[in-house]
Amino acid sequence: PHQLSGGQRQRVMIAMALANEPDLLIA
């Protein structure tokens, strides 16, 4: 994580949240 920028880390978090294609995403 420390090797990524803030925007890149946020994209990783979004990828993790969408990994299972949820019905509801809380941002």
mmCIF file of all heavy atoms, coordinates in Angstrom:
data_MODEL
# 
_entry.id   MODEL 
# 
loop_
_atom_site.group_PDB 
_atom_site.id 
_atom_site.type_symbol 
_atom_site.label_atom_id 
_atom_site.label_alt_id 
_atom_site.label_comp_id 
_atom_site.label_asym_id 
_atom_site.label_entity_id 
_atom_site.label_seq_id 
_atom_site.pdbx_PDB_ins_code 
_atom_site.Cartn_x 
_atom_site.Cartn_y 
_atom_site.Cartn_z 
_atom_site.occupancy 
_atom_site.B_iso_or_equiv 
_atom_site.pdbx_formal_charge 
_atom_site.auth_seq_id 
_atom_site.auth_comp_id 
_atom_site.auth_asym_id 
_atom_site.auth_atom_id 
_atom_site.pdbx_PDB_model_num 
ATOM 1   N N   . PRO A 1 1  ? 0.794   -1.236  0.000   1.00 0.00 ? 1  PRO A N   1 
ATOM 2   C CA  . PRO A 1 1  ? 0.000   0.000   0.000   1.00 0.00 ? 1  PRO A CA  1 
ATOM 3   C C   . PRO A 1 1  ? 0.823   1.281   0.000   1.00 0.00 ? 1  PRO A C   1 
ATOM 4   O O   . PRO A 1 1  ? 0.472   2.251   -0.684  1.00 0.00 ? 1  PRO A O   1 
ATOM 5   C CB  . PRO A 1 1  ? -0.838  -0.133  1.279   1.00 0.00 ? 1  PRO A CB  1 
ATOM 6   C CG  . PRO A 1 1  ? -1.021  -1.608  1.437   1.00 0.00 ? 1  PRO A CG  1 
ATOM 7   C CD  . PRO A 1 1  ? 0.278   -2.204  0.984   1.00 0.00 ? 1  PRO A CD  1 
ATOM 8   N N   . HIS A 1 2  ? 1.936   1.311   0.749   1.00 0.00 ? 2  HIS A N   1 
ATOM 9   C CA  . HIS A 1 2  ? 2.711   2.546   0.827   1.00 0.00 ? 2  HIS A CA  1 
ATOM 10  C C   . HIS A 1 2  ? 3.398   2.890   -0.493  1.00 0.00 ? 2  HIS A C   1 
ATOM 11  O O   . HIS A 1 2  ? 3.865   4.022   -0.676  1.00 0.00 ? 2  HIS A O   1 
ATOM 12  C CB  . HIS A 1 2  ? 3.771   2.444   1.937   1.00 0.00 ? 2  HIS A CB  1 
ATOM 13  C CG  . HIS A 1 2  ? 4.922   1.546   1.611   1.00 0.00 ? 2  HIS A CG  1 
ATOM 14  N ND1 . HIS A 1 2  ? 4.883   0.185   1.838   1.00 0.00 ? 2  HIS A ND1 1 
ATOM 15  C CD2 . HIS A 1 2  ? 6.133   1.806   1.046   1.00 0.00 ? 2  HIS A CD2 1 
ATOM 16  C CE1 . HIS A 1 2  ? 6.029   -0.348  1.444   1.00 0.00 ? 2  HIS A CE1 1 
ATOM 17  N NE2 . HIS A 1 2  ? 6.798   0.610   0.962   1.00 0.00 ? 2  HIS A NE2 1 
ATOM 18  N N   . GLN A 1 3  ? 3.441   1.939   -1.419  1.00 0.00 ? 3  GLN A N   1 
ATOM 19  C CA  . GLN A 1 3  ? 4.069   2.180   -2.715  1.00 0.00 ? 3  GLN A CA  1 
ATOM 20  C C   . GLN A 1 3  ? 3.087   2.753   -3.747  1.00 0.00 ? 3  GLN A C   1 
ATOM 21  O O   . GLN A 1 3  ? 3.480   3.021   -4.877  1.00 0.00 ? 3  GLN A O   1 
ATOM 22  C CB  . GLN A 1 3  ? 4.682   0.878   -3.242  1.00 0.00 ? 3  GLN A CB  1 
ATOM 23  C CG  . GLN A 1 3  ? 5.817   0.353   -2.366  1.00 0.00 ? 3  GLN A CG  1 
ATOM 24  C CD  . GLN A 1 3  ? 6.319   -1.013  -2.809  1.00 0.00 ? 3  GLN A CD  1 
ATOM 25  O OE1 . GLN A 1 3  ? 5.526   -1.922  -3.081  1.00 0.00 ? 3  GLN A OE1 1 
ATOM 26  N NE2 . GLN A 1 3  ? 7.633   -1.157  -2.904  1.00 0.00 ? 3  GLN A NE2 1 
ATOM 27  N N   . LEU A 1 4  ? 1.849   2.923   -3.347  1.00 0.00 ? 4  LEU A N   1 
ATOM 28  C CA  . LEU A 1 4  ? 0.820   3.455   -4.231  1.00 0.00 ? 4  LEU A CA  1 
ATOM 29  C C   . LEU A 1 4  ? 0.425   4.869   -3.798  1.00 0.00 ? 4  LEU A C   1 
ATOM 30  O O   . LEU A 1 4  ? 0.554   5.226   -2.624  1.00 0.00 ? 4  LEU A O   1 
ATOM 31  C CB  . LEU A 1 4  ? -0.420  2.565   -4.221  1.00 0.00 ? 4  LEU A CB  1 
ATOM 32  C CG  . LEU A 1 4  ? -0.227  1.092   -4.601  1.00 0.00 ? 4  LEU A CG  1 
ATOM 33  C CD1 . LEU A 1 4  ? -1.557  0.364   -4.501  1.00 0.00 ? 4  LEU A CD1 1 
ATOM 34  C CD2 . LEU A 1 4  ? 0.360   0.963   -5.998  1.00 0.00 ? 4  LEU A CD2 1 
ATOM 35  N N   . SER A 1 5  ? -0.069  5.652   -4.740  1.00 0.00 ? 5  SER A N   1 
ATOM 36  C CA  . SER A 1 5  ? -0.585  6.979   -4.414  1.00 0.00 ? 5  SER A CA  1 
ATOM 37  C C   . SER A 1 5  ? -1.944  6.850   -3.731  1.00 0.00 ? 5  SER A C   1 
ATOM 38  O O   . SER A 1 5  ? -2.558  5.773   -3.714  1.00 0.00 ? 5  SER A O   1 
ATOM 39  C CB  . SER A 1 5  ? -0.718  7.809   -5.692  1.00 0.00 ? 5  SER A CB  1 
ATOM 40  O OG  . SER A 1 5  ? -1.758  7.284   -6.512  1.00 0.00 ? 5  SER A OG  1 
ATOM 41  N N   . GLY A 1 6  ? -2.450  7.976   -3.205  1.00 0.00 ? 6  GLY A N   1 
ATOM 42  C CA  . GLY A 1 6  ? -3.756  7.948   -2.552  1.00 0.00 ? 6  GLY A CA  1 
ATOM 43  C C   . GLY A 1 6  ? -4.861  7.518   -3.487  1.00 0.00 ? 6  GLY A C   1 
ATOM 44  O O   . GLY A 1 6  ? -5.732  6.716   -3.121  1.00 0.00 ? 6  GLY A O   1 
ATOM 45  N N   . GLY A 1 7  ? -4.842  8.026   -4.719  1.00 0.00 ? 7  GLY A N   1 
ATOM 46  C CA  . GLY A 1 7  ? -5.859  7.632   -5.690  1.00 0.00 ? 7  GLY A CA  1 
ATOM 47  C C   . GLY A 1 7  ? -5.761  6.170   -6.074  1.00 0.00 ? 7  GLY A C   1 
ATOM 48  O O   . GLY A 1 7  ? -6.782  5.486   -6.253  1.00 0.00 ? 7  GLY A O   1 
ATOM 49  N N   . GLN A 1 8  ? -4.545  5.651   -6.184  1.00 0.00 ? 8  GLN A N   1 
ATOM 50  C CA  . GLN A 1 8  ? -4.363  4.239   -6.515  1.00 0.00 ? 8  GLN A CA  1 
ATOM 51  C C   . GLN A 1 8  ? -4.849  3.349   -5.370  1.00 0.00 ? 8  GLN A C   1 
ATOM 52  O O   . GLN A 1 8  ? -5.484  2.315   -5.604  1.00 0.00 ? 8  GLN A O   1 
ATOM 53  C CB  . GLN A 1 8  ? -2.897  3.971   -6.822  1.00 0.00 ? 8  GLN A CB  1 
ATOM 54  C CG  . GLN A 1 8  ? -2.420  4.563   -8.132  1.00 0.00 ? 8  GLN A CG  1 
ATOM 55  C CD  . GLN A 1 8  ? -0.915  4.478   -8.305  1.00 0.00 ? 8  GLN A CD  1 
ATOM 56  O OE1 . GLN A 1 8  ? -0.153  4.430   -7.327  1.00 0.00 ? 8  GLN A OE1 1 
ATOM 57  N NE2 . GLN A 1 8  ? -0.463  4.461   -9.551  1.00 0.00 ? 8  GLN A NE2 1 
ATOM 58  N N   . ARG A 1 9  ? -4.546  3.740   -4.133  1.00 0.00 ? 9  ARG A N   1 
ATOM 59  C CA  . ARG A 1 9  ? -5.029  2.954   -2.983  1.00 0.00 ? 9  ARG A CA  1 
ATOM 60  C C   . ARG A 1 9  ? -6.555  2.946   -2.943  1.00 0.00 ? 9  ARG A C   1 
ATOM 61  O O   . ARG A 1 9  ? -7.170  1.912   -2.634  1.00 0.00 ? 9  ARG A O   1 
ATOM 62  C CB  . ARG A 1 9  ? -4.455  3.522   -1.680  1.00 0.00 ? 9  ARG A CB  1 
ATOM 63  C CG  . ARG A 1 9  ? -2.983  3.257   -1.480  1.00 0.00 ? 9  ARG A CG  1 
ATOM 64  C CD  . ARG A 1 9  ? -2.553  3.543   -0.059  1.00 0.00 ? 9  ARG A CD  1 
ATOM 65  N NE  . ARG A 1 9  ? -2.643  4.962   0.269   1.00 0.00 ? 9  ARG A NE  1 
ATOM 66  C CZ  . ARG A 1 9  ? -1.634  5.822   0.156   1.00 0.00 ? 9  ARG A CZ  1 
ATOM 67  N NH1 . ARG A 1 9  ? -0.461  5.419   -0.315  1.00 0.00 ? 9  ARG A NH1 1 
ATOM 68  N NH2 . ARG A 1 9  ? -1.791  7.091   0.499   1.00 0.00 ? 9  ARG A NH2 1 
ATOM 69  N N   . GLN A 1 10 ? -7.173  4.085   -3.258  1.00 0.00 ? 10 GLN A N   1 
ATOM 70  C CA  . GLN A 1 10 ? -8.634  4.123   -3.245  1.00 0.00 ? 10 GLN A CA  1 
ATOM 71  C C   . GLN A 1 10 ? -9.204  3.214   -4.331  1.00 0.00 ? 10 GLN A C   1 
ATOM 72  O O   . GLN A 1 10 ? -10.230 2.553   -4.118  1.00 0.00 ? 10 GLN A O   1 
ATOM 73  C CB  . GLN A 1 10 ? -9.111  5.561   -3.438  1.00 0.00 ? 10 GLN A CB  1 
ATOM 74  C CG  . GLN A 1 10 ? -10.587 5.775   -3.129  1.00 0.00 ? 10 GLN A CG  1 
ATOM 75  C CD  . GLN A 1 10 ? -10.937 5.472   -1.686  1.00 0.00 ? 10 GLN A CD  1 
ATOM 76  O OE1 . GLN A 1 10 ? -11.018 4.304   -1.285  1.00 0.00 ? 10 GLN A OE1 1 
ATOM 77  N NE2 . GLN A 1 10 ? -11.143 6.503   -0.892  1.00 0.00 ? 10 GLN A NE2 1 
ATOM 78  N N   . ARG A 1 11 ? -8.549  3.127   -5.461  1.00 0.00 ? 11 ARG A N   1 
ATOM 79  C CA  . ARG A 1 11 ? -9.004  2.218   -6.516  1.00 0.00 ? 11 ARG A CA  1 
ATOM 80  C C   . ARG A 1 11 ? -8.880  0.761   -6.079  1.00 0.00 ? 11 ARG A C   1 
ATOM 81  O O   . ARG A 1 11 ? -9.729  -0.081  -6.419  1.00 0.00 ? 11 ARG A O   1 
ATOM 82  C CB  . ARG A 1 11 ? -8.215  2.472   -7.803  1.00 0.00 ? 11 ARG A CB  1 
ATOM 83  C CG  . ARG A 1 11 ? -8.548  3.798   -8.467  1.00 0.00 ? 11 ARG A CG  1 
ATOM 84  C CD  . ARG A 1 11 ? -7.662  4.074   -9.670  1.00 0.00 ? 11 ARG A CD  1 
ATOM 85  N NE  . ARG A 1 11 ? -7.831  5.438   -10.153 1.00 0.00 ? 11 ARG A NE  1 
ATOM 86  C CZ  . ARG A 1 11 ? -8.761  5.830   -11.030 1.00 0.00 ? 11 ARG A CZ  1 
ATOM 87  N NH1 . ARG A 1 11 ? -9.591  4.930   -11.530 1.00 0.00 ? 11 ARG A NH1 1 
ATOM 88  N NH2 . ARG A 1 11 ? -8.851  7.075   -11.408 1.00 0.00 ? 11 ARG A NH2 1 
ATOM 89  N N   . VAL A 1 12 ? -7.834  0.447   -5.328  1.00 0.00 ? 12 VAL A N   1 
ATOM 90  C CA  . VAL A 1 12 ? -7.688  -0.910  -4.788  1.00 0.00 ? 12 VAL A CA  1 
ATOM 91  C C   . VAL A 1 12 ? -8.828  -1.210  -3.828  1.00 0.00 ? 12 VAL A C   1 
ATOM 92  O O   . VAL A 1 12 ? -9.411  -2.308  -3.846  1.00 0.00 ? 12 VAL A O   1 
ATOM 93  C CB  . VAL A 1 12 ? -6.322  -1.079  -4.084  1.00 0.00 ? 12 VAL A CB  1 
ATOM 94  C CG1 . VAL A 1 12 ? -6.264  -2.418  -3.345  1.00 0.00 ? 12 VAL A CG1 1 
ATOM 95  C CG2 . VAL A 1 12 ? -5.188  -0.999  -5.100  1.00 0.00 ? 12 VAL A CG2 1 
ATOM 96  N N   . MET A 1 13 ? -9.178  -0.235  -2.970  1.00 0.00 ? 13 MET A N   1 
ATOM 97  C CA  . MET A 1 13 ? -10.289 -0.428  -2.043  1.00 0.00 ? 13 MET A CA  1 
ATOM 98  C C   . MET A 1 13 ? -11.597 -0.663  -2.796  1.00 0.00 ? 13 MET A C   1 
ATOM 99  O O   . MET A 1 13 ? -12.416 -1.497  -2.391  1.00 0.00 ? 13 MET A O   1 
ATOM 100 C CB  . MET A 1 13 ? -10.426 0.794   -1.136  1.00 0.00 ? 13 MET A CB  1 
ATOM 101 C CG  . MET A 1 13 ? -9.323  0.942   -0.094  1.00 0.00 ? 13 MET A CG  1 
ATOM 102 S SD  . MET A 1 13 ? -9.358  -0.392  1.134   1.00 0.00 ? 13 MET A SD  1 
ATOM 103 C CE  . MET A 1 13 ? -10.948 -0.116  1.886   1.00 0.00 ? 13 MET A CE  1 
ATOM 104 N N   . ILE A 1 14 ? -11.804 0.065   -3.875  1.00 0.00 ? 14 ILE A N   1 
ATOM 105 C CA  . ILE A 1 14 ? -13.013 -0.127  -4.684  1.00 0.00 ? 14 ILE A CA  1 
ATOM 106 C C   . ILE A 1 14 ? -13.014 -1.517  -5.311  1.00 0.00 ? 14 ILE A C   1 
ATOM 107 O O   . ILE A 1 14 ? -14.045 -2.202  -5.343  1.00 0.00 ? 14 ILE A O   1 
ATOM 108 C CB  . ILE A 1 14 ? -13.110 0.973   -5.766  1.00 0.00 ? 14 ILE A CB  1 
ATOM 109 C CG1 . ILE A 1 14 ? -13.311 2.338   -5.109  1.00 0.00 ? 14 ILE A CG1 1 
ATOM 110 C CG2 . ILE A 1 14 ? -14.257 0.680   -6.734  1.00 0.00 ? 14 ILE A CG2 1 
ATOM 111 C CD1 . ILE A 1 14 ? -13.226 3.509   -6.080  1.00 0.00 ? 14 ILE A CD1 1 
ATOM 112 N N   . ALA A 1 15 ? -11.850 -1.959  -5.794  1.00 0.00 ? 15 ALA A N   1 
ATOM 113 C CA  . ALA A 1 15 ? -11.750 -3.305  -6.368  1.00 0.00 ? 15 ALA A CA  1 
ATOM 114 C C   . ALA A 1 15 ? -12.113 -4.366  -5.337  1.00 0.00 ? 15 ALA A C   1 
ATOM 115 O O   . ALA A 1 15 ? -12.830 -5.330  -5.641  1.00 0.00 ? 15 ALA A O   1 
ATOM 116 C CB  . ALA A 1 15 ? -10.334 -3.544  -6.899  1.00 0.00 ? 15 ALA A CB  1 
ATOM 117 N N   . MET A 1 16 ? -11.630 -4.209  -4.111  1.00 0.00 ? 16 MET A N   1 
ATOM 118 C CA  . MET A 1 16 ? -11.944 -5.165  -3.049  1.00 0.00 ? 16 MET A CA  1 
ATOM 119 C C   . MET A 1 16 ? -13.437 -5.162  -2.749  1.00 0.00 ? 16 MET A C   1 
ATOM 120 O O   . MET A 1 16 ? -14.053 -6.216  -2.561  1.00 0.00 ? 16 MET A O   1 
ATOM 121 C CB  . MET A 1 16 ? -11.135 -4.828  -1.793  1.00 0.00 ? 16 MET A CB  1 
ATOM 122 C CG  . MET A 1 16 ? -9.637  -5.017  -1.957  1.00 0.00 ? 16 MET A CG  1 
ATOM 123 S SD  . MET A 1 16 ? -8.685  -4.458  -0.522  1.00 0.00 ? 16 MET A SD  1 
ATOM 124 C CE  . MET A 1 16 ? -9.182  -5.674  0.713   1.00 0.00 ? 16 MET A CE  1 
ATOM 125 N N   . ALA A 1 17 ? -14.034 -3.965  -2.708  1.00 0.00 ? 17 ALA A N   1 
ATOM 126 C CA  . ALA A 1 17 ? -15.458 -3.861  -2.382  1.00 0.00 ? 17 ALA A CA  1 
ATOM 127 C C   . ALA A 1 17 ? -16.336 -4.461  -3.472  1.00 0.00 ? 17 ALA A C   1 
ATOM 128 O O   . ALA A 1 17 ? -17.425 -4.978  -3.192  1.00 0.00 ? 17 ALA A O   1 
ATOM 129 C CB  . ALA A 1 17 ? -15.835 -2.401  -2.159  1.00 0.00 ? 17 ALA A CB  1 
ATOM 130 N N   . LEU A 1 18 ? -15.866 -4.405  -4.727  1.00 0.00 ? 18 LEU A N   1 
ATOM 131 C CA  . LEU A 1 18 ? -16.669 -4.891  -5.849  1.00 0.00 ? 18 LEU A CA  1 
ATOM 132 C C   . LEU A 1 18 ? -16.327 -6.315  -6.266  1.00 0.00 ? 18 LEU A C   1 
ATOM 133 O O   . LEU A 1 18 ? -16.882 -6.821  -7.238  1.00 0.00 ? 18 LEU A O   1 
ATOM 134 C CB  . LEU A 1 18 ? -16.491 -3.963  -7.049  1.00 0.00 ? 18 LEU A CB  1 
ATOM 135 C CG  . LEU A 1 18 ? -16.932 -2.509  -6.854  1.00 0.00 ? 18 LEU A CG  1 
ATOM 136 C CD1 . LEU A 1 18 ? -16.748 -1.736  -8.140  1.00 0.00 ? 18 LEU A CD1 1 
ATOM 137 C CD2 . LEU A 1 18 ? -18.371 -2.435  -6.384  1.00 0.00 ? 18 LEU A CD2 1 
ATOM 138 N N   . ALA A 1 19 ? -15.425 -6.949  -5.549  1.00 0.00 ? 19 ALA A N   1 
ATOM 139 C CA  . ALA A 1 19 ? -14.950 -8.279  -5.937  1.00 0.00 ? 19 ALA A CA  1 
ATOM 140 C C   . ALA A 1 19 ? -16.090 -9.275  -6.108  1.00 0.00 ? 19 ALA A C   1 
ATOM 141 O O   . ALA A 1 19 ? -16.046 -10.147 -6.980  1.00 0.00 ? 19 ALA A O   1 
ATOM 142 C CB  . ALA A 1 19 ? -13.944 -8.800  -4.910  1.00 0.00 ? 19 ALA A CB  1 
ATOM 143 N N   . ASN A 1 20 ? -17.125 -9.162  -5.295  1.00 0.00 ? 20 ASN A N   1 
ATOM 144 C CA  . ASN A 1 20 ? -18.240 -10.104 -5.349  1.00 0.00 ? 20 ASN A CA  1 
ATOM 145 C C   . ASN A 1 20 ? -19.494 -9.495  -5.959  1.00 0.00 ? 20 ASN A C   1 
ATOM 146 O O   . ASN A 1 20 ? -20.575 -10.061 -5.828  1.00 0.00 ? 20 ASN A O   1 
ATOM 147 C CB  . ASN A 1 20 ? -18.545 -10.630 -3.943  1.00 0.00 ? 20 ASN A CB  1 
ATOM 148 C CG  . ASN A 1 20 ? -17.391 -11.414 -3.370  1.00 0.00 ? 20 ASN A CG  1 
ATOM 149 O OD1 . ASN A 1 20 ? -16.915 -12.368 -3.981  1.00 0.00 ? 20 ASN A OD1 1 
ATOM 150 N ND2 . ASN A 1 20 ? -16.906 -11.002 -2.205  1.00 0.00 ? 20 ASN A ND2 1 
ATOM 151 N N   . GLU A 1 21 ? -19.344 -8.343  -6.611  1.00 0.00 ? 21 GLU A N   1 
ATOM 152 C CA  . GLU A 1 21 ? -20.467 -7.656  -7.244  1.00 0.00 ? 21 GLU A CA  1 
ATOM 153 C C   . GLU A 1 21 ? -21.659 -7.574  -6.285  1.00 0.00 ? 21 GLU A C   1 
ATOM 154 O O   . GLU A 1 21 ? -22.719 -8.161  -6.520  1.00 0.00 ? 21 GLU A O   1 
ATOM 155 C CB  . GLU A 1 21 ? -20.850 -8.344  -8.555  1.00 0.00 ? 21 GLU A CB  1 
ATOM 156 C CG  . GLU A 1 21 ? -19.713 -8.354  -9.566  1.00 0.00 ? 21 GLU A CG  1 
ATOM 157 C CD  . GLU A 1 21 ? -20.120 -8.894  -10.925 1.00 0.00 ? 21 GLU A CD  1 
ATOM 158 O OE1 . GLU A 1 21 ? -21.287 -9.326  -11.065 1.00 0.00 ? 21 GLU A OE1 1 
ATOM 159 O OE2 . GLU A 1 21 ? -19.278 -8.903  -11.837 1.00 0.00 ? 21 GLU A OE2 1 
ATOM 160 N N   . PRO A 1 22 ? -21.511 -6.803  -5.210  1.00 0.00 ? 22 PRO A N   1 
ATOM 161 C CA  . PRO A 1 22 ? -22.545 -6.750  -4.166  1.00 0.00 ? 22 PRO A CA  1 
ATOM 162 C C   . PRO A 1 22 ? -23.822 -6.061  -4.643  1.00 0.00 ? 22 PRO A C   1 
ATOM 163 O O   . PRO A 1 22 ? -23.826 -5.325  -5.637  1.00 0.00 ? 22 PRO A O   1 
ATOM 164 C CB  . PRO A 1 22 ? -21.864 -5.922  -3.064  1.00 0.00 ? 22 PRO A CB  1 
ATOM 165 C CG  . PRO A 1 22 ? -20.912 -5.035  -3.807  1.00 0.00 ? 22 PRO A CG  1 
ATOM 166 C CD  . PRO A 1 22 ? -20.389 -5.894  -4.932  1.00 0.00 ? 22 PRO A CD  1 
ATOM 167 N N   . ASP A 1 23 ? -24.893 -6.298  -3.903  1.00 0.00 ? 23 ASP A N   1 
ATOM 168 C CA  . ASP A 1 23 ? -26.157 -5.603  -4.167  1.00 0.00 ? 23 ASP A CA  1 
ATOM 169 C C   . ASP A 1 23 ? -26.086 -4.156  -3.696  1.00 0.00 ? 23 ASP A C   1 
ATOM 170 O O   . ASP A 1 23 ? -26.734 -3.278  -4.271  1.00 0.00 ? 23 ASP A O   1 
ATOM 171 C CB  . ASP A 1 23 ? -27.316 -6.304  -3.443  1.00 0.00 ? 23 ASP A CB  1 
ATOM 172 C CG  . ASP A 1 23 ? -27.561 -7.697  -3.972  1.00 0.00 ? 23 ASP A CG  1 
ATOM 173 O OD1 . ASP A 1 23 ? -27.288 -7.938  -5.164  1.00 0.00 ? 23 ASP A OD1 1 
ATOM 174 O OD2 . ASP A 1 23 ? -28.015 -8.560  -3.191  1.00 0.00 ? 23 ASP A OD2 1 
ATOM 175 N N   . LEU A 1 24 ? -25.339 -3.921  -2.602  1.00 0.00 ? 24 LEU A N   1 
ATOM 176 C CA  . LEU A 1 24 ? -25.239 -2.590  -2.010  1.00 0.00 ? 24 LEU A CA  1 
ATOM 177 C C   . LEU A 1 24 ? -23.787 -2.263  -1.732  1.00 0.00 ? 24 LEU A C   1 
ATOM 178 O O   . LEU A 1 24 ? -23.075 -3.050  -1.100  1.00 0.00 ? 24 LEU A O   1 
ATOM 179 C CB  . LEU A 1 24 ? -26.042 -2.510  -0.704  1.00 0.00 ? 24 LEU A CB  1 
ATOM 180 C CG  . LEU A 1 24 ? -25.880 -1.219  0.113   1.00 0.00 ? 24 LEU A CG  1 
ATOM 181 C CD1 . LEU A 1 24 ? -26.457 -0.019  -0.652  1.00 0.00 ? 24 LEU A CD1 1 
ATOM 182 C CD2 . LEU A 1 24 ? -26.553 -1.354  1.485   1.00 0.00 ? 24 LEU A CD2 1 
ATOM 183 N N   . LEU A 1 25 ? -23.353 -1.089  -2.180  1.00 0.00 ? 25 LEU A N   1 
ATOM 184 C CA  . LEU A 1 25 ? -22.021 -0.585  -1.883  1.00 0.00 ? 25 LEU A CA  1 
ATOM 185 C C   . LEU A 1 25 ? -22.158 0.641   -0.997  1.00 0.00 ? 25 LEU A C   1 
ATOM 186 O O   . LEU A 1 25 ? -22.857 1.596   -1.344  1.00 0.00 ? 25 LEU A O   1 
ATOM 187 C CB  . LEU A 1 25 ? -21.278 -0.217  -3.166  1.00 0.00 ? 25 LEU A CB  1 
ATOM 188 C CG  . LEU A 1 25 ? -19.905 0.447   -2.976  1.00 0.00 ? 25 LEU A CG  1 
ATOM 189 C CD1 . LEU A 1 25 ? -18.921 -0.524  -2.336  1.00 0.00 ? 25 LEU A CD1 1 
ATOM 190 C CD2 . LEU A 1 25 ? -19.364 0.957   -4.301  1.00 0.00 ? 25 LEU A CD2 1 
ATOM 191 N N   . ILE A 1 26 ? -21.496 0.619   0.159   1.00 0.00 ? 26 ILE A N   1 
ATOM 192 C CA  . ILE A 1 26 ? -21.449 1.779   1.047   1.00 0.00 ? 26 ILE A CA  1 
ATOM 193 C C   . ILE A 1 26 ? -20.111 2.469   0.832   1.00 0.00 ? 26 ILE A C   1 
ATOM 194 O O   . ILE A 1 26 ? -19.063 1.848   0.991   1.00 0.00 ? 26 ILE A O   1 
ATOM 195 C CB  . ILE A 1 26 ? -21.612 1.359   2.519   1.00 0.00 ? 26 ILE A CB  1 
ATOM 196 C CG1 . ILE A 1 26 ? -22.970 0.674   2.728   1.00 0.00 ? 26 ILE A CG1 1 
ATOM 197 C CG2 . ILE A 1 26 ? -21.474 2.559   3.441   1.00 0.00 ? 26 ILE A CG2 1 
ATOM 198 C CD1 . ILE A 1 26 ? -23.141 0.068   4.121   1.00 0.00 ? 26 ILE A CD1 1 
ATOM 199 N N   . ALA A 1 27 ? -20.153 3.737   0.447   1.00 0.00 ? 27 ALA A N   1 
ATOM 200 C CA  . ALA A 1 27 ? -18.931 4.503   0.200   1.00 0.00 ? 27 ALA A CA  1 
ATOM 201 C C   . ALA A 1 27 ? -18.844 5.616   1.239   1.00 0.00 ? 27 ALA A C   1 
ATOM 202 O O   . ALA A 1 27 ? -19.607 6.582   1.191   1.00 0.00 ? 27 ALA A O   1 
ATOM 203 C CB  . ALA A 1 27 ? -18.942 5.081   -1.205  1.00 0.00 ? 27 ALA A CB  1 
# 
